[in-house]
Amino acid sequence: MVNLREHCSFVHAGDKEAATKKAIRLVQGGINRARELENIPRKQIPVVRTALVVGAGIAGMNAALDLANQGISVYLVEKEPTIGGKMAQLDRIYPTDDCGI
């Protein structure tokens, strides 16, 4: 990969001949690098479908439910002694006037 835009076009905007020469050298260097590349061995890694959700507020509980509905095991962690976050502390919720809990 050669970045001609950043290394030639922008830097040498006033001197097209120098930009062209530099671009040719960069492309030749990229080709030479590509000749020396080696294959990377592929590796199979087992995937464990488990998620950790930090924070059991409204957003955390919704994320945990969405993941669980997709068949992913979820660990829901909360630092406070109760779940629900700030929403559980509210008496009434606008606009339905429902209880926060």
PDB file of N, CA and C in Angstrom:
ATOM      1  N   MET A   1       0.848  -1.174   0.000  1.00  0.00           N
ATOM      2  CA  MET A   1       0.000   0.000   0.000  1.00  0.00           C
ATOM      3  C   MET A   1       0.897   1.242   0.000  1.00  0.00           C
ATOM      4  N   VAL A   2       0.558   2.147  -0.856  1.00  0.00           N
ATOM      5  CA  VAL A   2       1.313   3.391  -0.968  1.00  0.00           C
ATOM      6  C   VAL A   2       0.308   4.542  -0.883  1.00  0.00           C
ATOM      7  N   ASN A   3       0.608   5.532  -0.044  1.00  0.00           N
ATOM      8  CA  ASN A   3      -0.290   6.661   0.155  1.00  0.00           C
ATOM      9  C   ASN A   3       0.184   7.840  -0.696  1.00  0.00           C
ATOM     10  N   LEU A   4      -0.182   7.851  -1.956  1.00  0.00           N
ATOM     11  CA  LEU A   4       0.250   8.912  -2.864  1.00  0.00           C
ATOM     12  C   LEU A   4      -0.408  10.244  -2.556  1.00  0.00           C
ATOM     13  N   ARG A   5      -1.642  10.201  -2.100  1.00  0.00           N
ATOM     14  CA  ARG A   5      -2.355  11.444  -1.837  1.00  0.00           C
ATOM     15  C   ARG A   5      -1.668  12.254  -0.740  1.00  0.00           C
ATOM     16  N   GLU A   6      -1.355  11.605   0.366  1.00  0.00           N
ATOM     17  CA  GLU A   6      -0.755  12.312   1.495  1.00  0.00           C
ATOM     18  C   GLU A   6       0.721  12.622   1.256  1.00  0.00           C
ATOM     19  N   HIS A   7       1.444  11.698   0.606  1.00  0.00           N
ATOM     20  CA  HIS A   7       2.891  11.855   0.472  1.00  0.00           C
ATOM     21  C   HIS A   7       3.327  12.570  -0.799  1.00  0.00           C
ATOM     22  N   CYS A   8       2.445  12.666  -1.776  1.00  0.00           N
ATOM     23  CA  CYS A   8       2.831  13.319  -3.037  1.00  0.00           C
ATOM     24  C   CYS A   8       1.901  14.472  -3.402  1.00  0.00           C
ATOM     25  N   SER A   9       0.635  14.181  -3.563  1.00  0.00           N
ATOM     26  CA  SER A   9      -0.306  15.186  -4.067  1.00  0.00           C
ATOM     27  C   SER A   9      -0.388  16.402  -3.166  1.00  0.00           C
ATOM     28  N   PHE A  10      -0.540  16.197  -1.868  1.00  0.00           N
ATOM     29  CA  PHE A  10      -0.685  17.322  -0.948  1.00  0.00           C
ATOM     30  C   PHE A  10       0.642  18.029  -0.703  1.00  0.00           C
ATOM     31  N   VAL A  11       1.713  17.254  -0.532  1.00  0.00           N
ATOM     32  CA  VAL A  11       3.005  17.820  -0.173  1.00  0.00           C
ATOM     33  C   VAL A  11       3.612  18.599  -1.338  1.00  0.00           C
ATOM     34  N   HIS A  12       3.480  18.067  -2.541  1.00  0.00           N
ATOM     35  CA  HIS A  12       4.108  18.671  -3.716  1.00  0.00           C
ATOM     36  C   HIS A  12       3.063  19.223  -4.683  1.00  0.00           C
ATOM     37  N   ALA A  13       2.073  19.910  -4.161  1.00  0.00           N
ATOM     38  CA  ALA A  13       0.984  20.429  -5.005  1.00  0.00           C
ATOM     39  C   ALA A  13       1.494  21.435  -6.031  1.00  0.00           C
ATOM     40  N   GLY A  14       2.539  22.166  -5.704  1.00  0.00           N
ATOM     41  CA  GLY A  14       3.063  23.178  -6.617  1.00  0.00           C
ATOM     42  C   GLY A  14       4.066  22.657  -7.628  1.00  0.00           C
ATOM     43  N   ASP A  15       4.591  21.459  -7.409  1.00  0.00           N
ATOM     44  CA  ASP A  15       5.634  20.917  -8.288  1.00  0.00           C
ATOM     45  C   ASP A  15       5.199  19.540  -8.787  1.00  0.00           C
ATOM     46  N   LYS A  16       4.456  19.506  -9.888  1.00  0.00           N
ATOM     47  CA  LYS A  16       3.884  18.255 -10.391  1.00  0.00           C
ATOM     48  C   LYS A  16       4.951  17.279 -10.862  1.00  0.00           C
ATOM     49  N   GLU A  17       6.030  17.781 -11.416  1.00  0.00           N
ATOM     50  CA  GLU A  17       7.087  16.891 -11.910  1.00  0.00           C
ATOM     51  C   GLU A  17       7.757  16.152 -10.746  1.00  0.00           C
ATOM     52  N   ALA A  18       8.054  16.877  -9.671  1.00  0.00           N
ATOM     53  CA  ALA A  18       8.654  16.236  -8.498  1.00  0.00           C
ATOM     54  C   ALA A  18       7.669  15.261  -7.848  1.00  0.00           C
ATOM     55  N   ALA A  19       6.397  15.635  -7.819  1.00  0.00           N
ATOM     56  CA  ALA A  19       5.376  14.750  -7.249  1.00  0.00           C
ATOM     57  C   ALA A  19       5.271  13.463  -8.048  1.00  0.00           C
ATOM     58  N   THR A  20       5.337  13.566  -9.370  1.00  0.00           N
ATOM     59  CA  THR A  20       5.256  12.378 -10.230  1.00  0.00           C
ATOM     60  C   THR A  20       6.461  11.473 -10.018  1.00  0.00           C
ATOM     61  N   LYS A  21       7.653  12.071  -9.946  1.00  0.00           N
ATOM     62  CA  LYS A  21       8.862  11.274  -9.722  1.00  0.00           C
ATOM     63  C   LYS A  21       8.808  10.573  -8.368  1.00  0.00           C
ATOM     64  N   LYS A  22       8.372  11.300  -7.367  1.00  0.00           N
ATOM     65  CA  LYS A  22       8.273  10.706  -6.033  1.00  0.00           C
ATOM     66  C   LYS A  22       7.229   9.595  -6.014  1.00  0.00           C
ATOM     67  N   ALA A  23       6.112   9.799  -6.721  1.00  0.00           N
ATOM     68  CA  ALA A  23       5.060   8.784  -6.783  1.00  0.00           C
ATOM     69  C   ALA A  23       5.576   7.509  -7.436  1.00  0.00           C
ATOM     70  N   ILE A  24       6.357   7.653  -8.486  1.00  0.00           N
ATOM     71  CA  ILE A  24       6.922   6.489  -9.168  1.00  0.00           C
ATOM     72  C   ILE A  24       7.837   5.727  -8.218  1.00  0.00           C
ATOM     73  N   ARG A  25       8.683   6.463  -7.479  1.00  0.00           N
ATOM     74  CA  ARG A  25       9.584   5.797  -6.528  1.00  0.00           C
ATOM     75  C   ARG A  25       8.805   5.098  -5.416  1.00  0.00           C
ATOM     76  N   LEU A  26       7.745   5.751  -4.921  1.00  0.00           N
ATOM     77  CA  LEU A  26       6.945   5.132  -3.866  1.00  0.00           C
ATOM     78  C   LEU A  26       6.242   3.867  -4.353  1.00  0.00           C
ATOM     79  N   VAL A  27       5.707   3.896  -5.564  1.00  0.00           N
ATOM     80  CA  VAL A  27       5.041   2.713  -6.120  1.00  0.00           C
ATOM     81  C   VAL A  27       6.053   1.585  -6.328  1.00  0.00           C
ATOM     82  N   GLN A  28       7.249   1.919  -6.826  1.00  0.00           N
ATOM     83  CA  GLN A  28       8.285   0.895  -6.983  1.00  0.00           C
ATOM     84  C   GLN A  28       8.659   0.289  -5.634  1.00  0.00           C
ATOM     85  N   GLY A  29       8.760   1.137  -4.608  1.00  0.00           N
ATOM     86  CA  GLY A  29       9.052   0.631  -3.270  1.00  0.00           C
ATOM     87  C   GLY A  29       7.940  -0.263  -2.751  1.00  0.00           C
ATOM     88  N   GLY A  30       6.705   0.106  -3.016  1.00  0.00           N
ATOM     89  CA  GLY A  30       5.572  -0.726  -2.599  1.00  0.00           C
ATOM     90  C   GLY A  30       5.573  -2.074  -3.284  1.00  0.00           C
ATOM     91  N   ILE A  31       5.932  -2.095  -4.566  1.00  0.00           N
ATOM     92  CA  ILE A  31       6.017  -3.359  -5.309  1.00  0.00           C
ATOM     93  C   ILE A  31       7.130  -4.223  -4.729  1.00  0.00           C
ATOM     94  N   ASN A  32       8.276  -3.618  -4.435  1.00  0.00           N
ATOM     95  CA  ASN A  32       9.392  -4.378  -3.856  1.00  0.00           C
ATOM     96  C   ASN A  32       9.039  -4.940  -2.486  1.00  0.00           C
ATOM     97  N   ARG A  33       8.301  -4.156  -1.683  1.00  0.00           N
ATOM     98  CA  ARG A  33       7.854  -4.668  -0.384  1.00  0.00           C
ATOM     99  C   ARG A  33       6.898  -5.843  -0.570  1.00  0.00           C
ATOM    100  N   ALA A  34       5.998  -5.728  -1.541  1.00  0.00           N
ATOM    101  CA  ALA A  34       5.014  -6.782  -1.768  1.00  0.00           C
ATOM    102  C   ALA A  34       5.675  -8.082  -2.205  1.00  0.00           C
ATOM    103  N   ARG A  35       6.792  -7.992  -2.926  1.00  0.00           N
ATOM    104  CA  ARG A  35       7.515  -9.201  -3.355  1.00  0.00           C
ATOM    105  C   ARG A  35       8.062  -9.981  -2.173  1.00  0.00           C
ATOM    106  N   GLU A  36       8.358  -9.290  -1.078  1.00  0.00           N
ATOM    107  CA  GLU A  36       8.960  -9.926   0.092  1.00  0.00           C
ATOM    108  C   GLU A  36       7.938 -10.425   1.108  1.00  0.00           C
ATOM    109  N   LEU A  37       6.657 -10.234   0.821  1.00  0.00           N
ATOM    110  CA  LEU A  37       5.632 -10.642   1.782  1.00  0.00           C
ATOM    111  C   LEU A  37       5.598 -12.154   1.928  1.00  0.00           C
ATOM    112  N   GLU A  38       5.274 -12.604   3.126  1.00  0.00           N
ATOM    113  CA  GLU A  38       5.127 -14.029   3.400  1.00  0.00           C
ATOM    114  C   GLU A  38       3.694 -14.295   3.826  1.00  0.00           C
ATOM    115  N   ASN A  39       3.232 -15.518   3.580  1.00  0.00           N
ATOM    116  CA  ASN A  39       1.886 -15.893   3.994  1.00  0.00           C
ATOM    117  C   ASN A  39       1.821 -15.985   5.513  1.00  0.00           C
ATOM    118  N   ILE A  40       0.747 -15.490   6.056  1.00  0.00           N
ATOM    119  CA  ILE A  40       0.514 -15.610   7.491  1.00  0.00           C
ATOM    120  C   ILE A  40      -0.327 -16.856   7.718  1.00  0.00           C
ATOM    121  N   PRO A  41       0.155 -17.767   8.563  1.00  0.00           N
ATOM    122  CA  PRO A  41      -0.628 -18.992   8.782  1.00  0.00           C
ATOM    123  C   PRO A  41      -1.964 -18.672   9.464  1.00  0.00           C
ATOM    124  N   ARG A  42      -3.016 -19.316   8.993  1.00  0.00           N
ATOM    125  CA  ARG A  42      -4.336 -19.106   9.588  1.00  0.00           C
ATOM    126  C   ARG A  42      -4.477 -19.982  10.818  1.00  0.00           C
ATOM    127  N   LYS A  43      -5.215 -19.469  11.782  1.00  0.00           N
ATOM    128  CA  LYS A  43      -5.386 -20.176  13.035  1.00  0.00           C
ATOM    129  C   LYS A  43      -6.862 -20.185  13.401  1.00  0.00           C
ATOM    130  N   GLN A  44      -7.374 -21.299  13.800  1.00  0.00           N
ATOM    131  CA  GLN A  44      -8.757 -21.418  14.233  1.00  0.00           C
ATOM    132  C   GLN A  44      -8.824 -21.165  15.736  1.00  0.00           C
ATOM    133  N   ILE A  45      -9.640 -20.217  16.140  1.00  0.00           N
ATOM    134  CA  ILE A  45      -9.813 -19.903  17.551  1.00  0.00           C
ATOM    135  C   ILE A  45     -11.285 -20.084  17.899  1.00  0.00           C
ATOM    136  N   PRO A  46     -11.581 -20.900  18.898  1.00  0.00           N
ATOM    137  CA  PRO A  46     -12.993 -21.075  19.266  1.00  0.00           C
ATOM    138  C   PRO A  46     -13.549 -19.789  19.884  1.00  0.00           C
ATOM    139  N   VAL A  47     -14.786 -19.477  19.538  1.00  0.00           N
ATOM    140  CA  VAL A  47     -15.439 -18.270  20.027  1.00  0.00           C
ATOM    141  C   VAL A  47     -16.445 -18.664  21.102  1.00  0.00           C
ATOM    142  N   VAL A  48     -16.356 -17.999  22.232  1.00  0.00           N
ATOM    143  CA  VAL A  48     -17.306 -18.217  23.313  1.00  0.00           C
ATOM    144  C   VAL A  48     -18.326 -17.084  23.241  1.00  0.00           C
ATOM    145  N   ARG A  49     -19.574 -17.451  23.035  1.00  0.00           N
ATOM    146  CA  ARG A  49     -20.613 -16.428  22.883  1.00  0.00           C
ATOM    147  C   ARG A  49     -21.085 -15.971  24.262  1.00  0.00           C
ATOM    148  N   THR A  50     -20.260 -15.123  24.878  1.00  0.00           N
ATOM    149  CA  THR A  50     -20.538 -14.585  26.202  1.00  0.00           C
ATOM    150  C   THR A  50     -20.214 -13.102  26.194  1.00  0.00           C
ATOM    151  N   ALA A  51     -21.017 -12.316  26.906  1.00  0.00           N
ATOM    152  CA  ALA A  51     -20.788 -10.873  26.963  1.00  0.00           C
ATOM    153  C   ALA A  51     -20.831 -10.402  28.411  1.00  0.00           C
ATOM    154  N   LEU A  52     -20.073  -9.355  28.683  1.00  0.00           N
ATOM    155  CA  LEU A  52     -20.092  -8.693  29.980  1.00  0.00           C
ATOM    156  C   LEU A  52     -20.682  -7.304  29.780  1.00  0.00           C
ATOM    157  N   VAL A  53     -21.749  -7.013  30.489  1.00  0.00           N
ATOM    158  CA  VAL A  53     -22.361  -5.688  30.438  1.00  0.00           C
ATOM    159  C   VAL A  53     -22.093  -5.019  31.776  1.00  0.00           C
ATOM    160  N   VAL A  54     -21.398  -3.882  31.735  1.00  0.00           N
ATOM    161  CA  VAL A  54     -21.065  -3.156  32.951  1.00  0.00           C
ATOM    162  C   VAL A  54     -22.079  -2.037  33.147  1.00  0.00           C
ATOM    163  N   GLY A  55     -22.786  -2.106  34.254  1.00  0.00           N
ATOM    164  CA  GLY A  55     -23.791  -1.102  34.565  1.00  0.00           C
ATOM    165  C   GLY A  55     -25.180  -1.661  34.343  1.00  0.00           C
ATOM    166  N   ALA A  56     -25.976  -1.727  35.404  1.00  0.00           N
ATOM    167  CA  ALA A  56     -27.322  -2.294  35.309  1.00  0.00           C
ATOM    168  C   ALA A  56     -28.377  -1.210  35.369  1.00  0.00           C
ATOM    169  N   GLY A  57     -28.090  -0.082  34.700  1.00  0.00           N
ATOM    170  CA  GLY A  57     -29.116   0.939  34.538  1.00  0.00           C
ATOM    171  C   GLY A  57     -30.032   0.537  33.395  1.00  0.00           C
ATOM    172  N   ILE A  58     -30.825   1.460  32.927  1.00  0.00           N
ATOM    173  CA  ILE A  58     -31.770   1.164  31.850  1.00  0.00           C
ATOM    174  C   ILE A  58     -31.032   0.701  30.590  1.00  0.00           C
ATOM    175  N   ALA A  59     -29.978   1.422  30.215  1.00  0.00           N
ATOM    176  CA  ALA A  59     -29.232   1.060  29.002  1.00  0.00           C
ATOM    177  C   ALA A  59     -28.553  -0.291  29.162  1.00  0.00           C
ATOM    178  N   GLY A  60     -27.959  -0.541  30.319  1.00  0.00           N
ATOM    179  CA  GLY A  60     -27.287  -1.819  30.549  1.00  0.00           C
ATOM    180  C   GLY A  60     -28.253  -2.989  30.538  1.00  0.00           C
ATOM    181  N   MET A  61     -29.404  -2.806  31.160  1.00  0.00           N
ATOM    182  CA  MET A  61     -30.397  -3.885  31.175  1.00  0.00           C
ATOM    183  C   MET A  61     -30.949  -4.138  29.768  1.00  0.00           C
ATOM    184  N   ASN A  62     -31.187  -3.068  29.003  1.00  0.00           N
ATOM    185  CA  ASN A  62     -31.654  -3.259  27.621  1.00  0.00           C
ATOM    186  C   ASN A  62     -30.601  -3.975  26.786  1.00  0.00           C
ATOM    187  N   ALA A  63     -29.325  -3.603  26.948  1.00  0.00           N
ATOM    188  CA  ALA A  63     -28.254  -4.267  26.205  1.00  0.00           C
ATOM    189  C   ALA A  63     -28.184  -5.739  26.587  1.00  0.00           C
ATOM    190  N   ALA A  64     -28.285  -6.028  27.879  1.00  0.00           N
ATOM    191  CA  ALA A  64     -28.234  -7.420  28.347  1.00  0.00           C
ATOM    192  C   ALA A  64     -29.396  -8.232  27.779  1.00  0.00           C
ATOM    193  N   LEU A  65     -30.584  -7.646  27.771  1.00  0.00           N
ATOM    194  CA  LEU A  65     -31.745  -8.349  27.212  1.00  0.00           C
ATOM    195  C   LEU A  65     -31.597  -8.583  25.710  1.00  0.00           C
ATOM    196  N   ASP A  66     -31.119  -7.575  24.987  1.00  0.00           N
ATOM    197  CA  ASP A  66     -30.920  -7.731  23.547  1.00  0.00           C
ATOM    198  C   ASP A  66     -29.923  -8.847  23.251  1.00  0.00           C
ATOM    199  N   LEU A  67     -28.835  -8.891  23.999  1.00  0.00           N
ATOM    200  CA  LEU A  67     -27.831  -9.945  23.797  1.00  0.00           C
ATOM    201  C   LEU A  67     -28.400 -11.310  24.161  1.00  0.00           C
ATOM    202  N   ALA A  68     -29.115 -11.389  25.276  1.00  0.00           N
ATOM    203  CA  ALA A  68     -29.693 -12.663  25.704  1.00  0.00           C
ATOM    204  C   ALA A  68     -30.711 -13.171  24.689  1.00  0.00           C
ATOM    205  N   ASN A  69     -31.469 -12.273  24.079  1.00  0.00           N
ATOM    206  CA  ASN A  69     -32.445 -12.679  23.058  1.00  0.00           C
ATOM    207  C   ASN A  69     -31.776 -13.226  21.808  1.00  0.00           C
ATOM    208  N   GLN A  70     -30.486 -12.923  21.629  1.00  0.00           N
ATOM    209  CA  GLN A  70     -29.733 -13.461  20.499  1.00  0.00           C
ATOM    210  C   GLN A  70     -29.018 -14.763  20.857  1.00  0.00           C
ATOM    211  N   GLY A  71     -29.271 -15.278  22.046  1.00  0.00           N
ATOM    212  CA  GLY A  71     -28.666 -16.533  22.465  1.00  0.00           C
ATOM    213  C   GLY A  71     -27.278 -16.394  23.063  1.00  0.00           C
ATOM    214  N   ILE A  72     -26.903 -15.200  23.451  1.00  0.00           N
ATOM    215  CA  ILE A  72     -25.580 -14.949  24.020  1.00  0.00           C
ATOM    216  C   ILE A  72     -25.709 -14.923  25.538  1.00  0.00           C
ATOM    217  N   SER A  73     -24.821 -15.650  26.215  1.00  0.00           N
ATOM    218  CA  SER A  73     -24.798 -15.619  27.681  1.00  0.00           C
ATOM    219  C   SER A  73     -24.306 -14.254  28.127  1.00  0.00           C
ATOM    220  N   VAL A  74     -24.972 -13.693  29.146  1.00  0.00           N
ATOM    221  CA  VAL A  74     -24.655 -12.329  29.580  1.00  0.00           C
ATOM    222  C   VAL A  74     -24.357 -12.316  31.071  1.00  0.00           C
ATOM    223  N   TYR A  75     -23.291 -11.604  31.419  1.00  0.00           N
ATOM    224  CA  TYR A  75     -22.985 -11.293  32.802  1.00  0.00           C
ATOM    225  C   TYR A  75     -23.250  -9.802  32.977  1.00  0.00           C
ATOM    226  N   LEU A  76     -24.186  -9.466  33.862  1.00  0.00           N
ATOM    227  CA  LEU A  76     -24.555  -8.078  34.108  1.00  0.00           C
ATOM    228  C   LEU A  76     -23.972  -7.664  35.454  1.00  0.00           C
ATOM    229  N   VAL A  77     -23.119  -6.633  35.441  1.00  0.00           N
ATOM    230  CA  VAL A  77     -22.404  -6.209  36.645  1.00  0.00           C
ATOM    231  C   VAL A  77     -22.847  -4.803  37.023  1.00  0.00           C
ATOM    232  N   GLU A  78     -23.120  -4.603  38.309  1.00  0.00           N
ATOM    233  CA  GLU A  78     -23.522  -3.294  38.817  1.00  0.00           C
ATOM    234  C   GLU A  78     -22.790  -3.024  40.123  1.00  0.00           C
ATOM    235  N   LYS A  79     -22.258  -1.818  40.287  1.00  0.00           N
ATOM    236  CA  LYS A  79     -21.505  -1.481  41.505  1.00  0.00           C
ATOM    237  C   LYS A  79     -22.424  -1.115  42.667  1.00  0.00           C
ATOM    238  N   GLU A  80     -23.620  -0.646  42.377  1.00  0.00           N
ATOM    239  CA  GLU A  80     -24.565  -0.256  43.424  1.00  0.00           C
ATOM    240  C   GLU A  80     -25.311  -1.490  43.939  1.00  0.00           C
ATOM    241  N   PRO A  81     -25.917  -1.402  45.119  1.00  0.00           N
ATOM    242  CA  PRO A  81     -26.640  -2.559  45.653  1.00  0.00           C
ATOM    243  C   PRO A  81     -27.952  -2.868  44.924  1.00  0.00           C
ATOM    244  N   THR A  82     -28.468  -1.925  44.137  1.00  0.00           N
ATOM    245  CA  THR A  82     -29.702  -2.172  43.397  1.00  0.00           C
ATOM    246  C   THR A  82     -29.490  -1.873  41.914  1.00  0.00           C
ATOM    247  N   ILE A  83     -30.341  -2.460  41.088  1.00  0.00           N
ATOM    248  CA  ILE A  83     -30.265  -2.207  39.648  1.00  0.00           C
ATOM    249  C   ILE A  83     -31.292  -1.147  39.267  1.00  0.00           C
ATOM    250  N   GLY A  84     -31.179  -0.628  38.080  1.00  0.00           N
ATOM    251  CA  GLY A  84     -32.134   0.355  37.584  1.00  0.00           C
ATOM    252  C   GLY A  84     -31.555   1.737  37.412  1.00  0.00           C
ATOM    253  N   GLY A  85     -30.406   1.994  38.015  1.00  0.00           N
ATOM    254  CA  GLY A  85     -29.751   3.287  37.861  1.00  0.00           C
ATOM    255  C   GLY A  85     -30.587   4.440  38.370  1.00  0.00           C
ATOM    256  N   LYS A  86     -30.453   5.577  37.710  1.00  0.00           N
ATOM    257  CA  LYS A  86     -31.179   6.787  38.115  1.00  0.00           C
ATOM    258  C   LYS A  86     -32.689   6.634  37.920  1.00  0.00           C
ATOM    259  N   MET A  87     -33.077   5.815  36.952  1.00  0.00           N
ATOM    260  CA  MET A  87     -34.504   5.640  36.664  1.00  0.00           C
ATOM    261  C   MET A  87     -35.244   5.055  37.861  1.00  0.00           C
ATOM    262  N   ALA A  88     -34.589   4.159  38.599  1.00  0.00           N
ATOM    263  CA  ALA A  88     -35.253   3.537  39.746  1.00  0.00           C
ATOM    264  C   ALA A  88     -35.464   4.529  40.878  1.00  0.00           C
ATOM    265  N   GLN A  89     -34.752   5.652  40.875  1.00  0.00           N
ATOM    266  CA  GLN A  89     -34.882   6.657  41.927  1.00  0.00           C
ATOM    267  C   GLN A  89     -35.996   7.661  41.639  1.00  0.00           C
ATOM    268  N   LEU A  90     -36.534   7.623  40.421  1.00  0.00           N
ATOM    269  CA  LEU A  90     -37.572   8.586  40.045  1.00  0.00           C
ATOM    270  C   LEU A  90     -38.942   8.116  40.501  1.00  0.00           C
ATOM    271  N   ASP A  91     -39.751   9.058  40.941  1.00  0.00           N
ATOM    272  CA  ASP A  91     -41.110   8.736  41.385  1.00  0.00           C
ATOM    273  C   ASP A  91     -42.037   8.563  40.190  1.00  0.00           C
ATOM    274  N   ARG A  92     -41.995   9.512  39.261  1.00  0.00           N
ATOM    275  CA  ARG A  92     -42.851   9.480  38.070  1.00  0.00           C
ATOM    276  C   ARG A  92     -42.010   9.761  36.832  1.00  0.00           C
ATOM    277  N   ILE A  93     -42.445   9.191  35.689  1.00  0.00           N
ATOM    278  CA  ILE A  93     -41.712   9.345  34.437  1.00  0.00           C
ATOM    279  C   ILE A  93     -42.597  10.061  33.423  1.00  0.00           C
ATOM    280  N   TYR A  94     -42.039  11.099  32.790  1.00  0.00           N
ATOM    281  CA  TYR A  94     -42.747  11.851  31.757  1.00  0.00           C
ATOM    282  C   TYR A  94     -42.701  11.067  30.458  1.00  0.00           C
ATOM    283  N   PRO A  95     -43.644  11.022  29.620  1.00  0.00           N
ATOM    284  CA  PRO A  95     -44.954  11.669  29.627  1.00  0.00           C
ATOM    285  C   PRO A  95     -46.061  10.777  30.130  1.00  0.00           C
ATOM    286  N   THR A  96     -45.751   9.507  30.437  1.00  0.00           N
ATOM    287  CA  THR A  96     -46.826   8.567  30.794  1.00  0.00           C
ATOM    288  C   THR A  96     -47.186   8.614  32.270  1.00  0.00           C
ATOM    289  N   ASP A  97     -46.370   9.269  33.075  1.00  0.00           N
ATOM    290  CA  ASP A  97     -46.579   9.363  34.520  1.00  0.00           C
ATOM    291  C   ASP A  97     -46.485   7.990  35.203  1.00  0.00           C
ATOM    292  N   ASP A  98     -45.741   7.077  34.577  1.00  0.00           N
ATOM    293  CA  ASP A  98     -45.537   5.756  35.173  1.00  0.00           C
ATOM    294  C   ASP A  98     -44.550   5.856  36.326  1.00  0.00           C
ATOM    295  N   CYS A  99     -44.549   4.835  37.169  1.00  0.00           N
ATOM    296  CA  CYS A  99     -43.601   4.766  38.274  1.00  0.00           C
ATOM    297  C   CYS A  99     -42.228   4.403  37.707  1.00  0.00           C
ATOM    298  N   GLY A 100     -41.156   5.016  38.211  1.00  0.00           N
ATOM    299  CA  GLY A 100     -39.806   4.772  37.725  1.00  0.00           C
ATOM    300  C   GLY A 100     -39.328   3.357  37.944  1.00  0.00           C
ATOM    301  N   ILE A 101     -39.747   2.742  39.029  1.00  0.00           N
ATOM    302  CA  ILE A 101     -39.294   1.388  39.346  1.00  0.00           C
ATOM    303  C   ILE A 101     -39.933   0.404  38.393  1.00  0.00           C
TER     304      ILE A 101
END
